[in-house]
Amino acid sequence: MRTRKYLLSEKIEQYAAYHAYTISAQKSDKLRRMDELLKKAIKYELTERQKKCIMYYYYESKNVEEIAKILSIRPTTVYKHLSKARTALKKCALYL
């Protein structure tokens, strides 16, 4: 049985992978709603640094070391920001 945390990570990865597709293709109501809710959750539930880490990691497919160099922080800090961002987004997972 999968945990909610894994399901949330899976949803974020699916969203990032299909983001380009959903923009150009006709969106179903469910995908459109998921898209809007995830954007709002990222915008309002995360700190600026958490947003940057999520965007680089999931949307631009950068690894933790690359993100650490870009943001001038240590890789362990990137891991912490990603973890806390996922935890914050998990609160919104009920709406996805």
C-alpha atoms as a PDB file:
ATOM      1  CA  MET A   1       0.000   0.000   0.000  1.00  0.00           C
ATOM      2  CA  ARG A   2       1.359   3.438  -0.896  1.00  0.00           C
ATOM      3  CA  THR A   3       1.457   6.313   1.542  1.00  0.00           C
ATOM      4  CA  ARG A   4      -0.056   9.704   0.854  1.00  0.00           C
ATOM      5  CA  LYS A   5       3.395  11.267   0.702  1.00  0.00           C
ATOM      6  CA  TYR A   6       4.360   8.962  -2.149  1.00  0.00           C
ATOM      7  CA  LEU A   7       1.083   9.676  -3.910  1.00  0.00           C
ATOM      8  CA  LEU A   8       1.645  13.422  -3.584  1.00  0.00           C
ATOM      9  CA  SER A   9       5.154  13.119  -5.006  1.00  0.00           C
ATOM     10  CA  GLU A  10       3.742  10.999  -7.803  1.00  0.00           C
ATOM     11  CA  LYS A  11       1.083  13.624  -8.555  1.00  0.00           C
ATOM     12  CA  ILE A  12       3.673  16.405  -8.607  1.00  0.00           C
ATOM     13  CA  GLU A  13       5.881  14.410 -10.964  1.00  0.00           C
ATOM     14  CA  GLN A  14       2.924  13.602 -13.204  1.00  0.00           C
ATOM     15  CA  TYR A  15       1.916  17.241 -13.235  1.00  0.00           C
ATOM     16  CA  ALA A  16       5.410  18.391 -14.142  1.00  0.00           C
ATOM     17  CA  ALA A  17       5.770  15.744 -16.858  1.00  0.00           C
ATOM     18  CA  TYR A  18       2.465  16.565 -18.489  1.00  0.00           C
ATOM     19  CA  HIS A  19       2.536  20.318 -17.908  1.00  0.00           C
ATOM     20  CA  ALA A  20       3.547  21.108 -21.490  1.00  0.00           C
ATOM     21  CA  TYR A  21       0.947  18.669 -22.802  1.00  0.00           C
ATOM     22  CA  THR A  22      -1.872  20.116 -20.727  1.00  0.00           C
ATOM     23  CA  ILE A  23      -1.127  23.638 -21.947  1.00  0.00           C
ATOM     24  CA  SER A  24      -1.278  22.757 -25.637  1.00  0.00           C
ATOM     25  CA  ALA A  25      -3.898  20.008 -25.487  1.00  0.00           C
ATOM     26  CA  GLN A  26      -7.528  20.415 -24.586  1.00  0.00           C
ATOM     27  CA  LYS A  27      -7.708  19.967 -20.834  1.00  0.00           C
ATOM     28  CA  SER A  28     -10.226  17.758 -19.161  1.00  0.00           C
ATOM     29  CA  ASP A  29     -12.006  19.243 -16.166  1.00  0.00           C
ATOM     30  CA  LYS A  30     -10.069  17.063 -13.752  1.00  0.00           C
ATOM     31  CA  LEU A  31      -6.647  18.013 -15.181  1.00  0.00           C
ATOM     32  CA  ARG A  32      -7.627  21.679 -15.349  1.00  0.00           C
ATOM     33  CA  ARG A  33      -8.747  21.610 -11.706  1.00  0.00           C
ATOM     34  CA  MET A  34      -5.583  19.782 -10.628  1.00  0.00           C
ATOM     35  CA  ASP A  35      -3.481  22.305 -12.547  1.00  0.00           C
ATOM     36  CA  GLU A  36      -5.172  25.290 -10.906  1.00  0.00           C
ATOM     37  CA  LEU A  37      -5.100  23.843  -7.396  1.00  0.00           C
ATOM     38  CA  LEU A  38      -1.457  22.817  -7.597  1.00  0.00           C
ATOM     39  CA  LYS A  39      -0.433  26.266  -8.863  1.00  0.00           C
ATOM     40  CA  LYS A  40      -2.369  27.937  -6.041  1.00  0.00           C
ATOM     41  CA  ALA A  41      -0.908  25.559  -3.477  1.00  0.00           C
ATOM     42  CA  ILE A  42       2.628  26.249  -4.685  1.00  0.00           C
ATOM     43  CA  LYS A  43       1.978  29.992  -4.724  1.00  0.00           C
ATOM     44  CA  TYR A  44       0.331  30.324  -1.318  1.00  0.00           C
ATOM     45  CA  GLU A  45       1.617  27.408   0.780  1.00  0.00           C
ATOM     46  CA  LEU A  46       5.369  27.556   0.105  1.00  0.00           C
ATOM     47  CA  THR A  47       8.151  29.952   0.976  1.00  0.00           C
ATOM     48  CA  GLU A  48      10.093  31.577  -1.852  1.00  0.00           C
ATOM     49  CA  ARG A  49      13.025  29.201  -1.489  1.00  0.00           C
ATOM     50  CA  GLN A  50      10.726  26.161  -1.369  1.00  0.00           C
ATOM     51  CA  LYS A  51       9.031  27.376  -4.559  1.00  0.00           C
ATOM     52  CA  LYS A  52      12.379  27.742  -6.288  1.00  0.00           C
ATOM     53  CA  CYS A  53      13.509  24.277  -5.201  1.00  0.00           C
ATOM     54  CA  ILE A  54      10.240  22.683  -6.383  1.00  0.00           C
ATOM     55  CA  MET A  55      10.324  24.535  -9.695  1.00  0.00           C
ATOM     56  CA  TYR A  56      13.937  23.639 -10.433  1.00  0.00           C
ATOM     57  CA  TYR A  57      13.546  20.027  -9.305  1.00  0.00           C
ATOM     58  CA  TYR A  58      10.215  19.122 -10.901  1.00  0.00           C
ATOM     59  CA  TYR A  59       9.758  21.598 -13.742  1.00  0.00           C
ATOM     60  CA  GLU A  60      13.320  22.051 -14.956  1.00  0.00           C
ATOM     61  CA  SER A  61      14.559  18.557 -14.004  1.00  0.00           C
ATOM     62  CA  LYS A  62      17.629  19.814 -12.188  1.00  0.00           C
ATOM     63  CA  ASN A  63      19.304  17.605  -9.598  1.00  0.00           C
ATOM     64  CA  VAL A  64      19.923  18.652  -6.016  1.00  0.00           C
ATOM     65  CA  GLU A  65      23.556  19.592  -6.586  1.00  0.00           C
ATOM     66  CA  GLU A  66      22.635  21.895  -9.492  1.00  0.00           C
ATOM     67  CA  ILE A  67      19.913  23.561  -7.439  1.00  0.00           C
ATOM     68  CA  ALA A  68      22.350  24.051  -4.560  1.00  0.00           C
ATOM     69  CA  LYS A  69      24.813  25.818  -6.868  1.00  0.00           C
ATOM     70  CA  ILE A  70      22.104  28.019  -8.409  1.00  0.00           C
ATOM     71  CA  LEU A  71      20.714  29.085  -5.021  1.00  0.00           C
ATOM     72  CA  SER A  72      24.140  29.195  -3.294  1.00  0.00           C
ATOM     73  CA  ILE A  73      23.083  26.804  -0.556  1.00  0.00           C
ATOM     74  CA  ARG A  74      24.204  23.344   0.535  1.00  0.00           C
ATOM     75  CA  PRO A  75      22.626  20.227  -1.001  1.00  0.00           C
ATOM     76  CA  THR A  76      21.307  19.145   2.409  1.00  0.00           C
ATOM     77  CA  THR A  77      19.419  22.433   2.598  1.00  0.00           C
ATOM     78  CA  VAL A  78      17.854  21.741  -0.793  1.00  0.00           C
ATOM     79  CA  TYR A  79      16.719  18.334   0.470  1.00  0.00           C
ATOM     80  CA  LYS A  80      15.163  19.991   3.518  1.00  0.00           C
ATOM     81  CA  HIS A  81      13.350  22.590   1.401  1.00  0.00           C
ATOM     82  CA  LEU A  82      11.997  19.906  -0.929  1.00  0.00           C
ATOM     83  CA  SER A  83      10.850  17.810   2.013  1.00  0.00           C
ATOM     84  CA  LYS A  84       9.112  20.712   3.739  1.00  0.00           C
ATOM     85  CA  ALA A  85       7.521  21.798   0.458  1.00  0.00           C
ATOM     86  CA  ARG A  86       6.128  18.301  -0.108  1.00  0.00           C
ATOM     87  CA  THR A  87       4.783  18.262   3.442  1.00  0.00           C
ATOM     88  CA  ALA A  88       3.082  21.624   2.923  1.00  0.00           C
ATOM     89  CA  LEU A  89       1.612  20.496  -0.405  1.00  0.00           C
ATOM     90  CA  LYS A  90       0.382  17.281   1.204  1.00  0.00           C
ATOM     91  CA  LYS A  91      -2.183  19.388   3.052  1.00  0.00           C
ATOM     92  CA  CYS A  92      -3.661  20.307  -0.332  1.00  0.00           C
ATOM     93  CA  ALA A  93      -3.566  16.764  -1.703  1.00  0.00           C
ATOM     94  CA  LEU A  94      -7.128  16.115  -0.572  1.00  0.00           C
ATOM     95  CA  TYR A  95      -8.300  18.617  -3.183  1.00  0.00           C
ATOM     96  CA  LEU A  96      -6.313  17.032  -5.994  1.00  0.00           C
END
